[in-house]
Amino acid sequence: MWDFDSLYESFHRVKENHGCAGVDGVTIEHYEGILDLNLRIMQRELVGQTYSPLPLLKILVDKGNGEARTLCIPAVRDRIVQTAVLHRVAPALEKEFEECSFAYRKGRSVKQAVFQVKEYYEQGYQWVVDADIDAFFDSVDHTLLMTKVKQYVSIPYIQKLIELWLKAEIWDGESLSTLQKGIPQGSPISPVLANLFLDELDEELLRKGYKYVRYADDFVILCKRPEDARHALHVSKEALEKLLLKLDEEQILSFEDGFKFLGVTFVRSMIMVPFDRPKKEKKVLFYPKPLNLEEYLYRKTGFATEDTETTENK
């Protein structure tokens, strides 16, 4: 898993995403400037199991509606390792996911989720439980999530790495804090972990026979009668309680009333999509100053790690 070619491929996947620098201020271009050396040092740390991730960089980006979204960005070096691990574990986890789940999965999209809802309507399912989970990414219990990870990921060192990334330190420009719960948005490994955590909800609703479509933490349950919808809402709340989660907004509607899901309005047999607009770049509202790595590493270990020295001194 830690052979040079795998890490090299992971770097290029990270590069394709055009992400920003992390707490060390090292951009993708800087890292690539001495790529072979950086990857060889990282490979040595991973093989020797001495690798330790840097803190995440907390930034705020505009969601496009005037609201801010918090992202916690790993350093380039850590995004490479997470991508390598993701490449290893994703196929095994993907086999466990249900057909009702449409977010963060290759070959699946918002459009497919929308047409699945329309198909259920045409089959006579005209009552809808429309709900989303309250602060999902900030609320995931690490112990519960790691229990699920260990069911499908058998390599102890990969388990350890995932736990390190979950319990990450976060730098906001002023101070460091440690993530006590939640999945950091902005990490390559986070989307598959989110789907893994909610797979239990998916299984419970499908086991009860409900027609159900989920996209990340936003979902609808489709029923033929309003009393079925009320029961489905109760079942979803019970399933979420077991995951130590709760619903934020919830409502029971009909296609006759109309409702919105994934930015699309459903009214009877109609699907109304907003006019196409030029895709806006995510405007960064807040980007903290880089962390003083020399001070951080000295306080943590007593010396700077070799790979950080290499990229920092470029």
C-alpha atoms as a PDB file:
ATOM      1  CA  MET A   1       0.000   0.000   0.000  1.00  0.00           C
ATOM      2  CA  TRP A   2       2.836   2.402   0.764  1.00  0.00           C
ATOM      3  CA  ASP A   3       4.837   1.748  -2.382  1.00  0.00           C
ATOM      4  CA  PHE A   4       6.125   4.821  -4.166  1.00  0.00           C
ATOM      5  CA  ASP A   5       3.851   4.455  -7.195  1.00  0.00           C
ATOM      6  CA  SER A   6       0.734   4.416  -5.002  1.00  0.00           C
ATOM      7  CA  LEU A   7       1.791   7.582  -3.210  1.00  0.00           C
ATOM      8  CA  TYR A   8       2.722   9.197  -6.539  1.00  0.00           C
ATOM      9  CA  GLU A   9      -0.744   8.400  -7.914  1.00  0.00           C
ATOM     10  CA  SER A  10      -2.358   9.742  -4.739  1.00  0.00           C
ATOM     11  CA  PHE A  11      -0.442  13.006  -5.092  1.00  0.00           C
ATOM     12  CA  HIS A  12      -1.793  13.501  -8.606  1.00  0.00           C
ATOM     13  CA  ARG A  13      -5.350  12.855  -7.406  1.00  0.00           C
ATOM     14  CA  VAL A  14      -4.827  15.549  -4.782  1.00  0.00           C
ATOM     15  CA  LYS A  15      -3.388  17.870  -7.414  1.00  0.00           C
ATOM     16  CA  GLU A  16      -6.454  17.414  -9.641  1.00  0.00           C
ATOM     17  CA  ASN A  17      -8.639  18.821  -6.850  1.00  0.00           C
ATOM     18  CA  HIS A  18      -6.692  22.134  -6.820  1.00  0.00           C
ATOM     19  CA  GLY A  19      -6.861  22.476  -3.040  1.00  0.00           C
ATOM     20  CA  CYS A  20      -5.230  25.193  -0.955  1.00  0.00           C
ATOM     21  CA  ALA A  21      -2.250  24.950   1.381  1.00  0.00           C
ATOM     22  CA  GLY A  22      -2.708  23.633   4.905  1.00  0.00           C
ATOM     23  CA  VAL A  23      -1.314  24.847   8.235  1.00  0.00           C
ATOM     24  CA  ASP A  24       2.262  24.590   6.983  1.00  0.00           C
ATOM     25  CA  GLY A  25       1.610  27.033   4.122  1.00  0.00           C
ATOM     26  CA  VAL A  26       2.920  24.445   1.615  1.00  0.00           C
ATOM     27  CA  THR A  27       0.979  24.587  -1.661  1.00  0.00           C
ATOM     28  CA  ILE A  28       0.599  21.735  -4.103  1.00  0.00           C
ATOM     29  CA  GLU A  29       3.090  23.491  -6.393  1.00  0.00           C
ATOM     30  CA  HIS A  30       5.670  23.802  -3.621  1.00  0.00           C
ATOM     31  CA  TYR A  31       5.233  20.179  -2.639  1.00  0.00           C
ATOM     32  CA  GLU A  32       5.597  19.076  -6.246  1.00  0.00           C
ATOM     33  CA  GLY A  33       8.846  21.037  -6.587  1.00  0.00           C
ATOM     34  CA  ILE A  34      10.721  18.248  -4.776  1.00  0.00           C
ATOM     35  CA  LEU A  35       8.056  15.585  -5.148  1.00  0.00           C
ATOM     36  CA  ASP A  36      10.270  12.491  -5.210  1.00  0.00           C
ATOM     37  CA  LEU A  37      12.072  13.477  -2.034  1.00  0.00           C
ATOM     38  CA  ASN A  38       8.859  14.426  -0.228  1.00  0.00           C
ATOM     39  CA  LEU A  39       7.187  11.141  -1.172  1.00  0.00           C
ATOM     40  CA  ARG A  40      10.250   9.067  -0.216  1.00  0.00           C
ATOM     41  CA  ILE A  41      10.314  10.669   3.240  1.00  0.00           C
ATOM     42  CA  MET A  42       6.580  10.116   3.661  1.00  0.00           C
ATOM     43  CA  GLN A  43       6.921   6.522   2.499  1.00  0.00           C
ATOM     44  CA  ARG A  44       9.607   5.915   5.118  1.00  0.00           C
ATOM     45  CA  GLU A  45       7.381   7.355   7.863  1.00  0.00           C
ATOM     46  CA  LEU A  46       4.397   5.254   6.808  1.00  0.00           C
ATOM     47  CA  VAL A  47       6.358   2.017   6.518  1.00  0.00           C
ATOM     48  CA  GLY A  48       7.970   2.690   9.899  1.00  0.00           C
ATOM     49  CA  GLN A  49       4.589   3.773  11.320  1.00  0.00           C
ATOM     50  CA  THR A  50       6.049   7.055  12.578  1.00  0.00           C
ATOM     51  CA  TYR A  51       3.804   9.256  10.424  1.00  0.00           C
ATOM     52  CA  SER A  52       1.830  11.886  12.341  1.00  0.00           C
ATOM     53  CA  PRO A  53      -0.654  14.279  10.675  1.00  0.00           C
ATOM     54  CA  LEU A  54      -0.362  18.027  11.032  1.00  0.00           C
ATOM     55  CA  PRO A  55      -3.315  20.014  12.433  1.00  0.00           C
ATOM     56  CA  LEU A  56      -6.164  20.950  10.121  1.00  0.00           C
ATOM     57  CA  LEU A  57      -6.538  24.518   8.868  1.00  0.00           C
ATOM     58  CA  LYS A  58      -9.960  25.954   9.685  1.00  0.00           C
ATOM     59  CA  ILE A  59     -11.293  28.202   6.931  1.00  0.00           C
ATOM     60  CA  LEU A  60     -14.695  29.693   6.136  1.00  0.00           C
ATOM     61  CA  VAL A  61     -16.125  29.648   2.596  1.00  0.00           C
ATOM     62  CA  ASP A  62     -19.254  31.217   1.167  1.00  0.00           C
ATOM     63  CA  LYS A  63     -21.952  28.590   0.555  1.00  0.00           C
ATOM     64  CA  GLY A  64     -23.319  30.770  -2.240  1.00  0.00           C
ATOM     65  CA  ASN A  65     -26.398  31.859  -0.288  1.00  0.00           C
ATOM     66  CA  GLY A  66     -24.726  34.335   2.013  1.00  0.00           C
ATOM     67  CA  GLU A  67     -24.015  31.746   4.692  1.00  0.00           C
ATOM     68  CA  ALA A  68     -20.586  30.483   5.686  1.00  0.00           C
ATOM     69  CA  ARG A  69     -19.439  26.866   5.666  1.00  0.00           C
ATOM     70  CA  THR A  70     -16.583  25.719   7.882  1.00  0.00           C
ATOM     71  CA  LEU A  71     -13.956  23.559   6.203  1.00  0.00           C
ATOM     72  CA  CYS A  72     -11.023  21.943   7.976  1.00  0.00           C
ATOM     73  CA  ILE A  73      -8.256  21.433   5.430  1.00  0.00           C
ATOM     74  CA  PRO A  74      -5.411  18.936   5.903  1.00  0.00           C
ATOM     75  CA  ALA A  75      -1.905  19.803   4.725  1.00  0.00           C
ATOM     76  CA  VAL A  76      -1.018  18.566   1.236  1.00  0.00           C
ATOM     77  CA  ARG A  77       1.121  15.760   2.702  1.00  0.00           C
ATOM     78  CA  ASP A  78      -1.824  14.536   4.781  1.00  0.00           C
ATOM     79  CA  ARG A  79      -4.265  14.756   1.880  1.00  0.00           C
ATOM     80  CA  ILE A  80      -1.935  12.442  -0.058  1.00  0.00           C
ATOM     81  CA  VAL A  81      -1.913   9.830   2.714  1.00  0.00           C
ATOM     82  CA  GLN A  82      -5.686  10.072   3.190  1.00  0.00           C
ATOM     83  CA  THR A  83      -6.183   9.613  -0.549  1.00  0.00           C
ATOM     84  CA  ALA A  84      -3.966   6.515  -0.517  1.00  0.00           C
ATOM     85  CA  VAL A  85      -5.975   5.047   2.369  1.00  0.00           C
ATOM     86  CA  LEU A  86      -9.259   5.984   0.689  1.00  0.00           C
ATOM     87  CA  HIS A  87      -8.172   4.148  -2.465  1.00  0.00           C
ATOM     88  CA  ARG A  88      -7.538   1.056  -0.325  1.00  0.00           C
ATOM     89  CA  VAL A  89     -10.680   1.012   1.842  1.00  0.00           C
ATOM     90  CA  ALA A  90     -13.344   2.561  -0.430  1.00  0.00           C
ATOM     91  CA  PRO A  91     -14.074  -0.582  -2.512  1.00  0.00           C
ATOM     92  CA  ALA A  92     -14.785  -2.675   0.609  1.00  0.00           C
ATOM     93  CA  LEU A  93     -17.018   0.018   2.102  1.00  0.00           C
ATOM     94  CA  GLU A  94     -18.800   0.698  -1.181  1.00  0.00           C
ATOM     95  CA  LYS A  95     -20.045  -2.913  -1.201  1.00  0.00           C
ATOM     96  CA  GLU A  96     -21.848  -2.232   2.082  1.00  0.00           C
ATOM     97  CA  PHE A  97     -23.668   0.902   0.971  1.00  0.00           C
ATOM     98  CA  GLU A  98     -27.307   0.840  -0.111  1.00  0.00           C
ATOM     99  CA  GLU A  99     -28.935   1.838  -3.387  1.00  0.00           C
ATOM    100  CA  CYS A 100     -30.786   4.667  -1.632  1.00  0.00           C
ATOM    101  CA  SER A 101     -27.535   6.569  -0.927  1.00  0.00           C
ATOM    102  CA  PHE A 102     -26.488   8.991  -3.699  1.00  0.00           C
ATOM    103  CA  ALA A 103     -23.859  11.378  -2.274  1.00  0.00           C
ATOM    104  CA  TYR A 104     -20.076  11.028  -2.530  1.00  0.00           C
ATOM    105  CA  ARG A 105     -20.224   7.865  -4.624  1.00  0.00           C
ATOM    106  CA  LYS A 106     -18.697   7.322  -8.025  1.00  0.00           C
ATOM    107  CA  GLY A 107     -21.314   7.195 -10.772  1.00  0.00           C
ATOM    108  CA  ARG A 108     -24.035   8.697  -8.552  1.00  0.00           C
ATOM    109  CA  SER A 109     -25.391  12.224  -8.589  1.00  0.00           C
ATOM    110  CA  VAL A 110     -28.054  14.679  -7.496  1.00  0.00           C
ATOM    111  CA  LYS A 111     -29.791  14.114 -10.830  1.00  0.00           C
ATOM    112  CA  GLN A 112     -30.081  10.383 -10.167  1.00  0.00           C
ATOM    113  CA  ALA A 113     -31.494  11.034  -6.696  1.00  0.00           C
ATOM    114  CA  VAL A 114     -34.077  13.424  -8.163  1.00  0.00           C
ATOM    115  CA  PHE A 115     -35.216  10.928 -10.788  1.00  0.00           C
ATOM    116  CA  GLN A 116     -35.468   8.199  -8.160  1.00  0.00           C
ATOM    117  CA  VAL A 117     -37.888  10.413  -6.219  1.00  0.00           C
ATOM    118  CA  LYS A 118     -39.902  11.000  -9.406  1.00  0.00           C
ATOM    119  CA  GLU A 119     -40.022   7.270 -10.095  1.00  0.00           C
ATOM    120  CA  TYR A 120     -41.435   6.562  -6.642  1.00  0.00           C
ATOM    121  CA  TYR A 121     -44.094   9.248  -7.200  1.00  0.00           C
ATOM    122  CA  GLU A 122     -45.134   7.557 -10.430  1.00  0.00           C
ATOM    123  CA  GLN A 123     -45.475   4.299  -8.490  1.00  0.00           C
ATOM    124  CA  GLY A 124     -48.040   5.937  -6.203  1.00  0.00           C
ATOM    125  CA  TYR A 125     -45.878   7.128  -3.330  1.00  0.00           C
ATOM    126  CA  GLN A 126     -47.267  10.632  -2.986  1.00  0.00           C
ATOM    127  CA  TRP A 127     -46.634  11.459   0.689  1.00  0.00           C
ATOM    128  CA  VAL A 128     -43.188  12.604   1.725  1.00  0.00           C
ATOM    129  CA  VAL A 129     -41.167  12.830   4.909  1.00  0.00           C
ATOM    130  CA  ASP A 130     -38.698  15.624   4.146  1.00  0.00           C
ATOM    131  CA  ALA A 131     -35.907  15.849   6.736  1.00  0.00           C
ATOM    132  CA  ASP A 132     -32.270  16.601   7.348  1.00  0.00           C
ATOM    133  CA  ILE A 133     -29.983  15.752  10.236  1.00  0.00           C
ATOM    134  CA  ASP A 134     -29.073  18.445  12.723  1.00  0.00           C
ATOM    135  CA  ALA A 135     -25.389  19.472  12.418  1.00  0.00           C
ATOM    136  CA  PHE A 136     -24.476  16.017  11.137  1.00  0.00           C
ATOM    137  CA  PHE A 137     -20.813  16.594  10.293  1.00  0.00           C
ATOM    138  CA  ASP A 138     -20.263  18.287  13.671  1.00  0.00           C
ATOM    139  CA  SER A 139     -22.074  15.612  15.692  1.00  0.00           C
ATOM    140  CA  VAL A 140     -20.760  12.197  14.638  1.00  0.00           C
ATOM    141  CA  ASP A 141     -19.626  10.183  17.648  1.00  0.00           C
ATOM    142  CA  HIS A 142     -16.057   8.985  17.130  1.00  0.00           C
ATOM    143  CA  THR A 143     -16.429   5.797  19.183  1.00  0.00           C
ATOM    144  CA  LEU A 144     -19.482   4.688  17.197  1.00  0.00           C
ATOM    145  CA  LEU A 145     -17.805   5.545  13.900  1.00  0.00           C
ATOM    146  CA  MET A 146     -14.576   3.697  14.739  1.00  0.00           C
ATOM    147  CA  THR A 147     -16.619   0.627  15.724  1.00  0.00           C
ATOM    148  CA  LYS A 148     -18.118   0.665  12.238  1.00  0.00           C
ATOM    149  CA  VAL A 149     -14.718   1.263  10.596  1.00  0.00           C
ATOM    150  CA  LYS A 150     -13.222  -1.758  12.378  1.00  0.00           C
ATOM    151  CA  GLN A 151     -15.999  -4.003  11.064  1.00  0.00           C
ATOM    152  CA  TYR A 152     -14.771  -3.483   7.503  1.00  0.00           C
ATOM    153  CA  VAL A 153     -11.152  -2.303   7.815  1.00  0.00           C
ATOM    154  CA  SER A 154      -9.035  -5.079   9.317  1.00  0.00           C
ATOM    155  CA  ILE A 155      -5.558  -3.519   9.119  1.00  0.00           C
ATOM    156  CA  PRO A 156      -4.725  -2.067  12.575  1.00  0.00           C
ATOM    157  CA  TYR A 157      -2.438   0.668  11.244  1.00  0.00           C
ATOM    158  CA  ILE A 158      -5.127   1.970   8.873  1.00  0.00           C
ATOM    159  CA  GLN A 159      -7.587   1.934  11.769  1.00  0.00           C
ATOM    160  CA  LYS A 160      -5.081   3.994  13.753  1.00  0.00           C
ATOM    161  CA  LEU A 161      -4.635   6.492  10.906  1.00  0.00           C
ATOM    162  CA  ILE A 162      -8.380   7.012  10.499  1.00  0.00           C
ATOM    163  CA  GLU A 163      -8.708   7.601  14.231  1.00  0.00           C
ATOM    164  CA  LEU A 164      -5.849  10.127  14.125  1.00  0.00           C
ATOM    165  CA  TRP A 165      -7.609  12.018  11.323  1.00  0.00           C
ATOM    166  CA  LEU A 166     -10.912  12.012  13.222  1.00  0.00           C
ATOM    167  CA  LYS A 167      -9.377  13.268  16.455  1.00  0.00           C
ATOM    168  CA  ALA A 168      -7.379  15.915  14.635  1.00  0.00           C
ATOM    169  CA  GLU A 169      -6.061  19.148  16.021  1.00  0.00           C
ATOM    170  CA  ILE A 170      -7.544  22.251  14.374  1.00  0.00           C
ATOM    171  CA  TRP A 171      -5.777  25.593  13.891  1.00  0.00           C
ATOM    172  CA  ASP A 172      -8.058  28.631  13.564  1.00  0.00           C
ATOM    173  CA  GLY A 173      -5.315  31.249  13.354  1.00  0.00           C
ATOM    174  CA  GLU A 174      -5.313  31.946  17.060  1.00  0.00           C
ATOM    175  CA  SER A 175      -5.263  28.644  18.921  1.00  0.00           C
ATOM    176  CA  LEU A 176      -5.267  24.857  18.570  1.00  0.00           C
ATOM    177  CA  SER A 177      -8.190  22.682  19.617  1.00  0.00           C
ATOM    178  CA  THR A 178      -8.785  18.941  19.331  1.00  0.00           C
ATOM    179  CA  LEU A 179     -11.837  17.559  17.560  1.00  0.00           C
ATOM    180  CA  GLN A 180     -13.938  15.735  20.166  1.00  0.00           C
ATOM    181  CA  LYS A 181     -16.672  14.619  17.768  1.00  0.00           C
ATOM    182  CA  GLY A 182     -17.690  15.106  14.170  1.00  0.00           C
ATOM    183  CA  ILE A 183     -16.171  14.425  10.757  1.00  0.00           C
ATOM    184  CA  PRO A 184     -13.985  17.270   9.424  1.00  0.00           C
ATOM    185  CA  GLN A 185     -15.367  18.578   6.131  1.00  0.00           C
ATOM    186  CA  GLY A 186     -12.512  19.139   3.724  1.00  0.00           C
ATOM    187  CA  SER A 187     -10.640  15.871   4.282  1.00  0.00           C
ATOM    188  CA  PRO A 188     -10.533  13.318   1.426  1.00  0.00           C
ATOM    189  CA  ILE A 189     -11.505  10.471   3.759  1.00  0.00           C
ATOM    190  CA  SER A 190     -14.541  12.251   5.268  1.00  0.00           C
ATOM    191  CA  PRO A 191     -17.242  11.569   2.616  1.00  0.00           C
ATOM    192  CA  VAL A 192     -16.870   7.774   2.734  1.00  0.00           C
ATOM    193  CA  LEU A 193     -16.873   7.881   6.556  1.00  0.00           C
ATOM    194  CA  ALA A 194     -20.088   9.921   6.473  1.00  0.00           C
ATOM    195  CA  ASN A 195     -21.794   7.332   4.276  1.00  0.00           C
ATOM    196  CA  LEU A 196     -20.514   4.519   6.480  1.00  0.00           C
ATOM    197  CA  PHE A 197     -21.930   6.151   9.597  1.00  0.00           C
ATOM    198  CA  LEU A 198     -25.376   6.685   8.039  1.00  0.00           C
ATOM    199  CA  ASP A 199     -25.535   3.230   6.456  1.00  0.00           C
ATOM    200  CA  GLU A 200     -27.272   1.993   9.614  1.00  0.00           C
ATOM    201  CA  LEU A 201     -30.083   4.521   9.043  1.00  0.00           C
ATOM    202  CA  ASP A 202     -30.337   3.410   5.407  1.00  0.00           C
ATOM    203  CA  GLU A 203     -30.552  -0.261   6.373  1.00  0.00           C
ATOM    204  CA  GLU A 204     -33.206   0.323   9.031  1.00  0.00           C
ATOM    205  CA  LEU A 205     -35.544   2.273   6.744  1.00  0.00           C
ATOM    206  CA  LEU A 206     -35.108  -0.183   3.889  1.00  0.00           C
ATOM    207  CA  ARG A 207     -35.634  -3.129   6.247  1.00  0.00           C
ATOM    208  CA  LYS A 208     -38.992  -1.586   7.189  1.00  0.00           C
ATOM    209  CA  GLY A 209     -39.871  -1.474   3.495  1.00  0.00           C
ATOM    210  CA  TYR A 210     -39.822   2.282   2.980  1.00  0.00           C
ATOM    211  CA  LYS A 211     -38.989   4.024  -0.293  1.00  0.00           C
ATOM    212  CA  TYR A 212     -36.144   6.256   0.729  1.00  0.00           C
ATOM    213  CA  VAL A 213     -33.597   8.540  -0.933  1.00  0.00           C
ATOM    214  CA  ARG A 214     -30.636  10.054   0.927  1.00  0.00           C
ATOM    215  CA  TYR A 215     -28.065  12.547  -0.259  1.00  0.00           C
ATOM    216  CA  ALA A 216     -25.470  13.117   2.499  1.00  0.00           C
ATOM    217  CA  ASP A 217     -27.461  14.256   5.560  1.00  0.00           C
ATOM    218  CA  ASP A 218     -30.550  15.275   3.575  1.00  0.00           C
ATOM    219  CA  PHE A 219     -33.216  12.642   2.912  1.00  0.00           C
ATOM    220  CA  VAL A 220     -36.824  11.960   1.919  1.00  0.00           C
ATOM    221  CA  ILE A 221     -39.025   8.957   2.694  1.00  0.00           C
ATOM    222  CA  LEU A 222     -41.884   8.356   0.262  1.00  0.00           C
ATOM    223  CA  CYS A 223     -45.163   6.758   1.332  1.00  0.00           C
ATOM    224  CA  LYS A 224     -48.626   6.059  -0.051  1.00  0.00           C
ATOM    225  CA  ARG A 225     -50.555   7.289   3.013  1.00  0.00           C
ATOM    226  CA  PRO A 226     -50.006  10.111   5.513  1.00  0.00           C
ATOM    227  CA  GLU A 227     -50.168   7.658   8.435  1.00  0.00           C
ATOM    228  CA  ASP A 228     -47.344   5.664   6.818  1.00  0.00           C
ATOM    229  CA  ALA A 229     -45.309   8.859   6.578  1.00  0.00           C
ATOM    230  CA  ARG A 230     -45.850   9.607  10.254  1.00  0.00           C
ATOM    231  CA  HIS A 231     -44.651   6.131  11.169  1.00  0.00           C
ATOM    232  CA  ALA A 232     -41.646   6.459   8.850  1.00  0.00           C
ATOM    233  CA  LEU A 233     -40.691   9.712  10.581  1.00  0.00           C
ATOM    234  CA  HIS A 234     -40.863   7.935  13.948  1.00  0.00           C
ATOM    235  CA  VAL A 235     -38.681   5.072  12.666  1.00  0.00           C
ATOM    236  CA  SER A 236     -36.073   7.500  11.315  1.00  0.00           C
ATOM    237  CA  LYS A 237     -35.927   9.357  14.643  1.00  0.00           C
ATOM    238  CA  GLU A 238     -35.417   6.096  16.535  1.00  0.00           C
ATOM    239  CA  ALA A 239     -32.648   5.002  14.154  1.00  0.00           C
ATOM    240  CA  LEU A 240     -30.902   8.358  14.520  1.00  0.00           C
ATOM    241  CA  GLU A 241     -31.146   8.239  18.316  1.00  0.00           C
ATOM    242  CA  LYS A 242     -29.090   5.034  18.246  1.00  0.00           C
ATOM    243  CA  LEU A 243     -26.461   7.013  16.332  1.00  0.00           C
ATOM    244  CA  LEU A 244     -26.667   9.866  18.871  1.00  0.00           C
ATOM    245  CA  LEU A 245     -28.090  12.146  16.176  1.00  0.00           C
ATOM    246  CA  LYS A 246     -31.349  14.040  15.797  1.00  0.00           C
ATOM    247  CA  LEU A 247     -33.342  15.722  13.061  1.00  0.00           C
ATOM    248  CA  ASP A 248     -33.052  19.440  12.404  1.00  0.00           C
ATOM    249  CA  GLU A 249     -36.000  20.183  10.146  1.00  0.00           C
ATOM    250  CA  GLU A 250     -38.787  17.703   9.479  1.00  0.00           C
ATOM    251  CA  GLN A 251     -42.109  17.917   7.683  1.00  0.00           C
ATOM    252  CA  ILE A 252     -44.703  15.630   6.140  1.00  0.00           C
ATOM    253  CA  LEU A 253     -45.961  16.875   2.794  1.00  0.00           C
ATOM    254  CA  SER A 254     -47.594  15.589  -0.341  1.00  0.00           C
ATOM    255  CA  PHE A 255     -46.620  16.054  -3.961  1.00  0.00           C
ATOM    256  CA  GLU A 256     -49.877  17.995  -4.215  1.00  0.00           C
ATOM    257  CA  ASP A 257     -48.514  20.516  -1.688  1.00  0.00           C
ATOM    258  CA  GLY A 258     -45.103  20.584  -3.316  1.00  0.00           C
ATOM    259  CA  PHE A 259     -41.710  20.409  -1.611  1.00  0.00           C
ATOM    260  CA  LYS A 260     -38.031  21.076  -2.255  1.00  0.00           C
ATOM    261  CA  PHE A 261     -35.275  18.485  -2.153  1.00  0.00           C
ATOM    262  CA  LEU A 262     -31.672  18.980  -3.278  1.00  0.00           C
ATOM    263  CA  GLY A 263     -32.507  22.381  -4.718  1.00  0.00           C
ATOM    264  CA  VAL A 264     -35.291  20.965  -6.911  1.00  0.00           C
ATOM    265  CA  THR A 265     -38.999  21.715  -6.467  1.00  0.00           C
ATOM    266  CA  PHE A 266     -41.459  18.807  -6.834  1.00  0.00           C
ATOM    267  CA  VAL A 267     -45.124  19.648  -7.463  1.00  0.00           C
ATOM    268  CA  ARG A 268     -47.362  16.770  -8.522  1.00  0.00           C
ATOM    269  CA  SER A 269     -45.662  15.285 -11.619  1.00  0.00           C
ATOM    270  CA  MET A 270     -43.544  18.371 -12.261  1.00  0.00           C
ATOM    271  CA  ILE A 271     -39.876  18.778 -11.430  1.00  0.00           C
ATOM    272  CA  MET A 272     -38.799  22.399 -11.446  1.00  0.00           C
ATOM    273  CA  VAL A 273     -35.093  23.117 -11.593  1.00  0.00           C
ATOM    274  CA  PRO A 274     -33.669  26.645 -11.168  1.00  0.00           C
ATOM    275  CA  PHE A 275     -32.330  28.287 -14.309  1.00  0.00           C
ATOM    276  CA  ASP A 276     -28.739  27.344 -14.984  1.00  0.00           C
ATOM    277  CA  ARG A 277     -26.375  29.925 -13.618  1.00  0.00           C
ATOM    278  CA  PRO A 278     -22.626  30.204 -14.000  1.00  0.00           C
ATOM    279  CA  LYS A 279     -20.990  28.108 -11.337  1.00  0.00           C
ATOM    280  CA  LYS A 280     -19.677  30.417  -8.640  1.00  0.00           C
ATOM    281  CA  GLU A 281     -16.266  29.892  -7.213  1.00  0.00           C
ATOM    282  CA  LYS A 282     -16.319  29.243  -3.498  1.00  0.00           C
ATOM    283  CA  LYS A 283     -15.226  32.536  -2.033  1.00  0.00           C
ATOM    284  CA  VAL A 284     -12.989  32.158   1.003  1.00  0.00           C
ATOM    285  CA  LEU A 285     -14.344  34.377   3.766  1.00  0.00           C
ATOM    286  CA  PHE A 286     -11.650  33.621   6.321  1.00  0.00           C
ATOM    287  CA  TYR A 287      -8.203  32.103   5.877  1.00  0.00           C
ATOM    288  CA  PRO A 288      -5.999  32.052   9.000  1.00  0.00           C
ATOM    289  CA  LYS A 289      -2.293  32.730   9.077  1.00  0.00           C
ATOM    290  CA  PRO A 290      -0.069  29.619   8.900  1.00  0.00           C
ATOM    291  CA  LEU A 291       0.775  27.831  12.122  1.00  0.00           C
ATOM    292  CA  ASN A 292       4.270  28.336  13.538  1.00  0.00           C
ATOM    293  CA  LEU A 293       5.404  24.800  12.781  1.00  0.00           C
ATOM    294  CA  GLU A 294       8.808  25.118  14.386  1.00  0.00           C
ATOM    295  CA  GLU A 295       7.222  26.031  17.702  1.00  0.00           C
ATOM    296  CA  TYR A 296       4.397  23.478  17.308  1.00  0.00           C
ATOM    297  CA  LEU A 297       6.690  20.548  16.494  1.00  0.00           C
ATOM    298  CA  TYR A 298       9.186  21.442  19.182  1.00  0.00           C
ATOM    299  CA  ARG A 299       6.431  21.594  21.783  1.00  0.00           C
ATOM    300  CA  LYS A 300       4.975  18.290  20.558  1.00  0.00           C
ATOM    301  CA  THR A 301       8.059  16.191  19.843  1.00  0.00           C
ATOM    302  CA  GLY A 302      11.126  18.201  20.748  1.00  0.00           C
ATOM    303  CA  PHE A 303      12.282  18.404  17.120  1.00  0.00           C
ATOM    304  CA  ALA A 304      10.973  19.101  13.599  1.00  0.00           C
ATOM    305  CA  THR A 305      10.181  16.137  11.381  1.00  0.00           C
ATOM    306  CA  GLU A 306      12.320  15.735   8.293  1.00  0.00           C
ATOM    307  CA  ASP A 307       9.510  15.932   5.738  1.00  0.00           C
ATOM    308  CA  THR A 308       8.203  19.179   7.254  1.00  0.00           C
ATOM    309  CA  GLU A 309      11.681  20.685   7.239  1.00  0.00           C
ATOM    310  CA  THR A 310      12.060  19.736   3.575  1.00  0.00           C
ATOM    311  CA  THR A 311       8.847  21.367   2.362  1.00  0.00           C
ATOM    312  CA  GLU A 312       9.052  24.311   4.756  1.00  0.00           C
ATOM    313  CA  ASN A 313      12.571  25.278   3.721  1.00  0.00           C
ATOM    314  CA  LYS A 314      11.760  25.342   0.004  1.00  0.00           C
END
